[in-house]
Amino acid sequence: MMAAYAGIYLVLLDVDEWGWGVPEAGFSVDAIPIYFRLDEFGRPSGEWIDGYAWGEDTYANIAGTMGPWFARP
């Protein structure tokens, strides 16, 4: 898991406080967890991945899915 997240910065948005999205920033949340890819200026790129991508919540499933997704340029 640590290798999958190496060099990644995560920002927590609390849906209880912020609601299910921050439209003015380009974020819409339909599932938890959800990860948005940002461009070099910190703006949403339109790419995202959520918890449905890896099936059962096991370290192997999550790391196997998240590692390659985070490694893409």
PDB file of N, CA and C in Angstrom:
ATOM      1  N   MET A   1       0.824  -1.188   0.000  1.00  0.00           N
ATOM      2  CA  MET A   1       0.000   0.000   0.000  1.00  0.00           C
ATOM      3  C   MET A   1       0.867   1.251   0.000  1.00  0.00           C
ATOM      4  N   MET A   2       1.923   1.248   0.782  1.00  0.00           N
ATOM      5  CA  MET A   2       2.791   2.432   0.839  1.00  0.00           C
ATOM      6  C   MET A   2       3.418   2.703  -0.519  1.00  0.00           C
ATOM      7  N   ALA A   3       3.814   1.659  -1.231  1.00  0.00           N
ATOM      8  CA  ALA A   3       4.405   1.840  -2.556  1.00  0.00           C
ATOM      9  C   ALA A   3       3.386   2.402  -3.533  1.00  0.00           C
ATOM     10  N   ALA A   4       2.131   1.977  -3.419  1.00  0.00           N
ATOM     11  CA  ALA A   4       1.081   2.479  -4.316  1.00  0.00           C
ATOM     12  C   ALA A   4       0.851   3.972  -4.124  1.00  0.00           C
ATOM     13  N   TYR A   5       1.056   4.461  -2.916  1.00  0.00           N
ATOM     14  CA  TYR A   5       0.798   5.871  -2.612  1.00  0.00           C
ATOM     15  C   TYR A   5       2.071   6.725  -2.560  1.00  0.00           C
ATOM     16  N   ALA A   6       3.224   6.174  -2.896  1.00  0.00           N
ATOM     17  CA  ALA A   6       4.486   6.922  -2.835  1.00  0.00           C
ATOM     18  C   ALA A   6       4.430   8.143  -3.751  1.00  0.00           C
ATOM     19  N   GLY A   7       4.777   9.307  -3.212  1.00  0.00           N
ATOM     20  CA  GLY A   7       4.796  10.543  -3.995  1.00  0.00           C
ATOM     21  C   GLY A   7       3.429  11.128  -4.279  1.00  0.00           C
ATOM     22  N   ILE A   8       2.404  10.649  -3.615  1.00  0.00           N
ATOM     23  CA  ILE A   8       1.035  11.104  -3.842  1.00  0.00           C
ATOM     24  C   ILE A   8       0.611  12.011  -2.692  1.00  0.00           C
ATOM     25  N   TYR A   9      -0.056  13.085  -3.025  1.00  0.00           N
ATOM     26  CA  TYR A   9      -0.608  13.981  -2.016  1.00  0.00           C
ATOM     27  C   TYR A   9      -2.112  13.775  -1.983  1.00  0.00           C
ATOM     28  N   LEU A  10      -2.641  13.501  -0.825  1.00  0.00           N
ATOM     29  CA  LEU A  10      -4.070  13.271  -0.667  1.00  0.00           C
ATOM     30  C   LEU A  10      -4.694  14.438   0.095  1.00  0.00           C
ATOM     31  N   VAL A  11      -5.867  14.844  -0.358  1.00  0.00           N
ATOM     32  CA  VAL A  11      -6.624  15.902   0.296  1.00  0.00           C
ATOM     33  C   VAL A  11      -7.948  15.298   0.724  1.00  0.00           C
ATOM     34  N   LEU A  12      -8.290  15.447   1.967  1.00  0.00           N
ATOM     35  CA  LEU A  12      -9.528  14.913   2.505  1.00  0.00           C
ATOM     36  C   LEU A  12     -10.628  15.957   2.402  1.00  0.00           C
ATOM     37  N   LEU A  13     -11.733  15.588   1.770  1.00  0.00           N
ATOM     38  CA  LEU A  13     -12.928  16.426   1.773  1.00  0.00           C
ATOM     39  C   LEU A  13     -13.976  15.684   2.582  1.00  0.00           C
ATOM     40  N   ASP A  14     -14.463  16.284   3.625  1.00  0.00           N
ATOM     41  CA  ASP A  14     -15.445  15.668   4.508  1.00  0.00           C
ATOM     42  C   ASP A  14     -16.836  15.901   3.927  1.00  0.00           C
ATOM     43  N   VAL A  15     -17.487  14.826   3.423  1.00  0.00           N
ATOM     44  CA  VAL A  15     -18.806  15.000   2.809  1.00  0.00           C
ATOM     45  C   VAL A  15     -19.848  15.456   3.819  1.00  0.00           C
ATOM     46  N   ASP A  16     -19.631  15.181   5.107  1.00  0.00           N
ATOM     47  CA  ASP A  16     -20.563  15.666   6.122  1.00  0.00           C
ATOM     48  C   ASP A  16     -20.471  17.179   6.274  1.00  0.00           C
ATOM     49  N   GLU A  17     -19.290  17.727   6.044  1.00  0.00           N
ATOM     50  CA  GLU A  17     -19.100  19.177   6.165  1.00  0.00           C
ATOM     51  C   GLU A  17     -19.275  19.899   4.835  1.00  0.00           C
ATOM     52  N   TRP A  18     -18.713  19.329   3.750  1.00  0.00           N
ATOM     53  CA  TRP A  18     -18.700  19.981   2.438  1.00  0.00           C
ATOM     54  C   TRP A  18     -19.841  19.549   1.534  1.00  0.00           C
ATOM     55  N   GLY A  19     -20.527  18.481   1.882  1.00  0.00           N
ATOM     56  CA  GLY A  19     -21.543  17.942   0.982  1.00  0.00           C
ATOM     57  C   GLY A  19     -20.888  17.006  -0.029  1.00  0.00           C
ATOM     58  N   TRP A  20     -21.652  16.615  -1.019  1.00  0.00           N
ATOM     59  CA  TRP A  20     -21.193  15.632  -2.002  1.00  0.00           C
ATOM     60  C   TRP A  20     -20.599  16.292  -3.228  1.00  0.00           C
ATOM     61  N   GLY A  21     -19.703  17.199  -3.018  1.00  0.00           N
ATOM     62  CA  GLY A  21     -18.998  17.810  -4.138  1.00  0.00           C
ATOM     63  C   GLY A  21     -18.643  19.248  -3.853  1.00  0.00           C
ATOM     64  N   VAL A  22     -17.749  19.762  -4.646  1.00  0.00           N
ATOM     65  CA  VAL A  22     -17.334  21.153  -4.585  1.00  0.00           C
ATOM     66  C   VAL A  22     -17.406  21.650  -6.041  1.00  0.00           C
ATOM     67  N   PRO A  23     -18.635  21.954  -6.525  1.00  0.00           N
ATOM     68  CA  PRO A  23     -18.820  22.265  -7.940  1.00  0.00           C
ATOM     69  C   PRO A  23     -17.936  23.394  -8.451  1.00  0.00           C
ATOM     70  N   GLU A  24     -17.729  24.409  -7.637  1.00  0.00           N
ATOM     71  CA  GLU A  24     -16.906  25.530  -8.087  1.00  0.00           C
ATOM     72  C   GLU A  24     -15.446  25.143  -8.293  1.00  0.00           C
ATOM     73  N   ALA A  25     -15.031  24.026  -7.699  1.00  0.00           N
ATOM     74  CA  ALA A  25     -13.668  23.539  -7.891  1.00  0.00           C
ATOM     75  C   ALA A  25     -13.610  22.401  -8.910  1.00  0.00           C
ATOM     76  N   GLY A  26     -14.773  21.961  -9.416  1.00  0.00           N
ATOM     77  CA  GLY A  26     -14.798  20.907 -10.416  1.00  0.00           C
ATOM     78  C   GLY A  26     -14.869  19.502  -9.864  1.00  0.00           C
ATOM     79  N   PHE A  27     -15.273  19.352  -8.594  1.00  0.00           N
ATOM     80  CA  PHE A  27     -15.350  18.038  -7.973  1.00  0.00           C
ATOM     81  C   PHE A  27     -16.799  17.655  -7.710  1.00  0.00           C
ATOM     82  N   SER A  28     -17.163  16.462  -8.079  1.00  0.00           N
ATOM     83  CA  SER A  28     -18.462  15.898  -7.748  1.00  0.00           C
ATOM     84  C   SER A  28     -18.211  14.510  -7.177  1.00  0.00           C
ATOM     85  N   VAL A  29     -18.766  14.237  -6.019  1.00  0.00           N
ATOM     86  CA  VAL A  29     -18.491  12.984  -5.314  1.00  0.00           C
ATOM     87  C   VAL A  29     -19.737  12.111  -5.350  1.00  0.00           C
ATOM     88  N   ASP A  30     -19.599  10.910  -5.940  1.00  0.00           N
ATOM     89  CA  ASP A  30     -20.694   9.956  -5.986  1.00  0.00           C
ATOM     90  C   ASP A  30     -20.418   8.712  -5.147  1.00  0.00           C
ATOM     91  N   ALA A  31     -19.170   8.535  -4.741  1.00  0.00           N
ATOM     92  CA  ALA A  31     -18.773   7.347  -3.976  1.00  0.00           C
ATOM     93  C   ALA A  31     -17.634   7.737  -3.045  1.00  0.00           C
ATOM     94  N   ILE A  32     -17.448   6.919  -2.017  1.00  0.00           N
ATOM     95  CA  ILE A  32     -16.342   7.116  -1.088  1.00  0.00           C
ATOM     96  C   ILE A  32     -15.605   5.794  -0.993  1.00  0.00           C
ATOM     97  N   PRO A  33     -14.321   5.723  -1.152  1.00  0.00           N
ATOM     98  CA  PRO A  33     -13.424   6.826  -1.476  1.00  0.00           C
ATOM     99  C   PRO A  33     -13.454   7.140  -2.971  1.00  0.00           C
ATOM    100  N   ILE A  34     -12.984   8.329  -3.315  1.00  0.00           N
ATOM    101  CA  ILE A  34     -12.842   8.726  -4.711  1.00  0.00           C
ATOM    102  C   ILE A  34     -11.558   9.547  -4.822  1.00  0.00           C
ATOM    103  N   TYR A  35     -10.835   9.351  -5.884  1.00  0.00           N
ATOM    104  CA  TYR A  35      -9.569  10.049  -6.119  1.00  0.00           C
ATOM    105  C   TYR A  35      -9.662  10.756  -7.458  1.00  0.00           C
ATOM    106  N   PHE A  36      -9.295  12.028  -7.487  1.00  0.00           N
ATOM    107  CA  PHE A  36      -9.304  12.822  -8.703  1.00  0.00           C
ATOM    108  C   PHE A  36      -7.874  13.088  -9.142  1.00  0.00           C
ATOM    109  N   ARG A  37      -7.614  12.949 -10.434  1.00  0.00           N
ATOM    110  CA  ARG A  37      -6.303  13.298 -10.978  1.00  0.00           C
ATOM    111  C   ARG A  37      -6.329  14.796 -11.278  1.00  0.00           C
ATOM    112  N   LEU A  38      -5.297  15.485 -10.812  1.00  0.00           N
ATOM    113  CA  LEU A  38      -5.176  16.920 -11.045  1.00  0.00           C
ATOM    114  C   LEU A  38      -4.109  17.170 -12.093  1.00  0.00           C
ATOM    115  N   ASP A  39      -4.240  18.287 -12.801  1.00  0.00           N
ATOM    116  CA  ASP A  39      -3.205  18.631 -13.772  1.00  0.00           C
ATOM    117  C   ASP A  39      -2.052  19.333 -13.058  1.00  0.00           C
ATOM    118  N   GLU A  40      -1.064  19.772 -13.808  1.00  0.00           N
ATOM    119  CA  GLU A  40       0.128  20.373 -13.200  1.00  0.00           C
ATOM    120  C   GLU A  40      -0.167  21.685 -12.477  1.00  0.00           C
ATOM    121  N   PHE A  41      -1.371  22.247 -12.692  1.00  0.00           N
ATOM    122  CA  PHE A  41      -1.757  23.482 -12.016  1.00  0.00           C
ATOM    123  C   PHE A  41      -2.701  23.227 -10.839  1.00  0.00           C
ATOM    124  N   GLY A  42      -2.948  21.951 -10.538  1.00  0.00           N
ATOM    125  CA  GLY A  42      -3.810  21.596  -9.416  1.00  0.00           C
ATOM    126  C   GLY A  42      -5.291  21.630  -9.745  1.00  0.00           C
ATOM    127  N   ARG A  43      -5.638  21.662 -11.036  1.00  0.00           N
ATOM    128  CA  ARG A  43      -7.041  21.669 -11.447  1.00  0.00           C
ATOM    129  C   ARG A  43      -7.469  20.251 -11.823  1.00  0.00           C
ATOM    130  N   PRO A  44      -8.756  19.926 -11.622  1.00  0.00           N
ATOM    131  CA  PRO A  44      -9.227  18.596 -12.003  1.00  0.00           C
ATOM    132  C   PRO A  44      -8.997  18.333 -13.485  1.00  0.00           C
ATOM    133  N   SER A  45      -8.479  17.140 -13.800  1.00  0.00           N
ATOM    134  CA  SER A  45      -8.214  16.773 -15.189  1.00  0.00           C
ATOM    135  C   SER A  45      -9.415  16.083 -15.828  1.00  0.00           C
ATOM    136  N   GLY A  46     -10.404  15.730 -15.014  1.00  0.00           N
ATOM    137  CA  GLY A  46     -11.550  14.982 -15.514  1.00  0.00           C
ATOM    138  C   GLY A  46     -11.402  13.481 -15.309  1.00  0.00           C
ATOM    139  N   GLU A  47     -10.223  13.040 -14.878  1.00  0.00           N
ATOM    140  CA  GLU A  47     -10.000  11.625 -14.587  1.00  0.00           C
ATOM    141  C   GLU A  47     -10.201  11.381 -13.101  1.00  0.00           C
ATOM    142  N   TRP A  48     -10.834  10.268 -12.787  1.00  0.00           N
ATOM    143  CA  TRP A  48     -11.051   9.906 -11.398  1.00  0.00           C
ATOM    144  C   TRP A  48     -11.168   8.398 -11.288  1.00  0.00           C
ATOM    145  N   ILE A  49     -11.010   7.917 -10.073  1.00  0.00           N
ATOM    146  CA  ILE A  49     -11.185   6.497  -9.773  1.00  0.00           C
ATOM    147  C   ILE A  49     -11.811   6.409  -8.386  1.00  0.00           C
ATOM    148  N   ASP A  50     -12.724   5.460  -8.225  1.00  0.00           N
ATOM    149  CA  ASP A  50     -13.367   5.337  -6.915  1.00  0.00           C
ATOM    150  C   ASP A  50     -13.279   3.900  -6.414  1.00  0.00           C
ATOM    151  N   GLY A  51     -13.850   3.679  -5.250  1.00  0.00           N
ATOM    152  CA  GLY A  51     -13.751   2.391  -4.575  1.00  0.00           C
ATOM    153  C   GLY A  51     -14.371   1.233  -5.327  1.00  0.00           C
ATOM    154  N   TYR A  52     -15.193   1.502  -6.334  1.00  0.00           N
ATOM    155  CA  TYR A  52     -15.768   0.416  -7.123  1.00  0.00           C
ATOM    156  C   TYR A  52     -14.750  -0.205  -8.070  1.00  0.00           C
ATOM    157  N   ALA A  53     -13.601   0.441  -8.250  1.00  0.00           N
ATOM    158  CA  ALA A  53     -12.604  -0.001  -9.224  1.00  0.00           C
ATOM    159  C   ALA A  53     -11.870  -1.264  -8.800  1.00  0.00           C
ATOM    160  N   TRP A  54     -11.807  -1.554  -7.510  1.00  0.00           N
ATOM    161  CA  TRP A  54     -10.983  -2.682  -7.079  1.00  0.00           C
ATOM    162  C   TRP A  54     -11.756  -3.824  -6.446  1.00  0.00           C
ATOM    163  N   GLY A  55     -13.044  -3.769  -6.390  1.00  0.00           N
ATOM    164  CA  GLY A  55     -13.813  -4.882  -5.816  1.00  0.00           C
ATOM    165  C   GLY A  55     -13.696  -4.924  -4.308  1.00  0.00           C
ATOM    166  N   GLU A  56     -13.439  -6.109  -3.779  1.00  0.00           N
ATOM    167  CA  GLU A  56     -13.350  -6.281  -2.328  1.00  0.00           C
ATOM    168  C   GLU A  56     -12.207  -5.447  -1.754  1.00  0.00           C
ATOM    169  N   ASP A  57     -12.451  -4.824  -0.602  1.00  0.00           N
ATOM    170  CA  ASP A  57     -11.451  -3.962   0.043  1.00  0.00           C
ATOM    171  C   ASP A  57     -10.360  -4.783   0.713  1.00  0.00           C
ATOM    172  N   THR A  58      -9.409  -5.253  -0.078  1.00  0.00           N
ATOM    173  CA  THR A  58      -8.235  -5.924   0.460  1.00  0.00           C
ATOM    174  C   THR A  58      -7.016  -5.123   0.022  1.00  0.00           C
ATOM    175  N   TYR A  59      -5.935  -5.242   0.787  1.00  0.00           N
ATOM    176  CA  TYR A  59      -4.716  -4.504   0.436  1.00  0.00           C
ATOM    177  C   TYR A  59      -4.256  -4.847  -0.971  1.00  0.00           C
ATOM    178  N   ALA A  60      -4.300  -6.108  -1.325  1.00  0.00           N
ATOM    179  CA  ALA A  60      -3.833  -6.532  -2.655  1.00  0.00           C
ATOM    180  C   ALA A  60      -4.694  -5.924  -3.759  1.00  0.00           C
ATOM    181  N   ASN A  61      -6.006  -5.928  -3.592  1.00  0.00           N
ATOM    182  CA  ASN A  61      -6.892  -5.351  -4.606  1.00  0.00           C
ATOM    183  C   ASN A  61      -6.689  -3.850  -4.734  1.00  0.00           C
ATOM    184  N   ILE A  62      -6.625  -3.163  -3.602  1.00  0.00           N
ATOM    185  CA  ILE A  62      -6.479  -1.700  -3.628  1.00  0.00           C
ATOM    186  C   ILE A  62      -5.125  -1.313  -4.200  1.00  0.00           C
ATOM    187  N   ALA A  63      -4.053  -1.897  -3.685  1.00  0.00           N
ATOM    188  CA  ALA A  63      -2.708  -1.559  -4.161  1.00  0.00           C
ATOM    189  C   ALA A  63      -2.540  -1.939  -5.625  1.00  0.00           C
ATOM    190  N   GLY A  64      -3.100  -3.082  -6.035  1.00  0.00           N
ATOM    191  CA  GLY A  64      -2.986  -3.520  -7.419  1.00  0.00           C
ATOM    192  C   GLY A  64      -3.676  -2.588  -8.394  1.00  0.00           C
ATOM    193  N   THR A  65      -4.732  -1.929  -7.950  1.00  0.00           N
ATOM    194  CA  THR A  65      -5.459  -0.978  -8.790  1.00  0.00           C
ATOM    195  C   THR A  65      -4.878   0.424  -8.677  1.00  0.00           C
ATOM    196  N   MET A  66      -4.612   0.862  -7.461  1.00  0.00           N
ATOM    197  CA  MET A  66      -4.173   2.232  -7.245  1.00  0.00           C
ATOM    198  C   MET A  66      -2.729   2.481  -7.694  1.00  0.00           C
ATOM    199  N   GLY A  67      -1.858   1.499  -7.521  1.00  0.00           N
ATOM    200  CA  GLY A  67      -0.465   1.662  -7.926  1.00  0.00           C
ATOM    201  C   GLY A  67      -0.337   2.066  -9.384  1.00  0.00           C
ATOM    202  N   PRO A  68      -0.892   1.296 -10.317  1.00  0.00           N
ATOM    203  CA  PRO A  68      -0.807   1.677 -11.738  1.00  0.00           C
ATOM    204  C   PRO A  68      -1.551   2.975 -12.050  1.00  0.00           C
ATOM    205  N   TRP A  69      -2.665   3.217 -11.389  1.00  0.00           N
ATOM    206  CA  TRP A  69      -3.436   4.449 -11.670  1.00  0.00           C
ATOM    207  C   TRP A  69      -2.632   5.686 -11.259  1.00  0.00           C
ATOM    208  N   PHE A  70      -2.008   5.636 -10.081  1.00  0.00           N
ATOM    209  CA  PHE A  70      -1.191   6.769  -9.644  1.00  0.00           C
ATOM    210  C   PHE A  70       0.077   6.905 -10.458  1.00  0.00           C
ATOM    211  N   ALA A  71       0.592   5.813 -10.999  1.00  0.00           N
ATOM    212  CA  ALA A  71       1.849   5.854 -11.747  1.00  0.00           C
ATOM    213  C   ALA A  71       1.697   6.443 -13.136  1.00  0.00           C
ATOM    214  N   ARG A  72       0.472   6.519 -13.644  1.00  0.00           N
ATOM    215  CA  ARG A  72       0.282   7.085 -14.984  1.00  0.00           C
ATOM    216  C   ARG A  72       0.643   8.561 -14.986  1.00  0.00           C
ATOM    217  N   PRO A  73       1.238   9.027 -16.082  1.00  0.00           N
ATOM    218  CA  PRO A  73       1.611  10.459 -16.150  1.00  0.00           C
ATOM    219  C   PRO A  73       0.410  11.362 -16.279  1.00  0.00           C
TER     220      PRO A  73
END
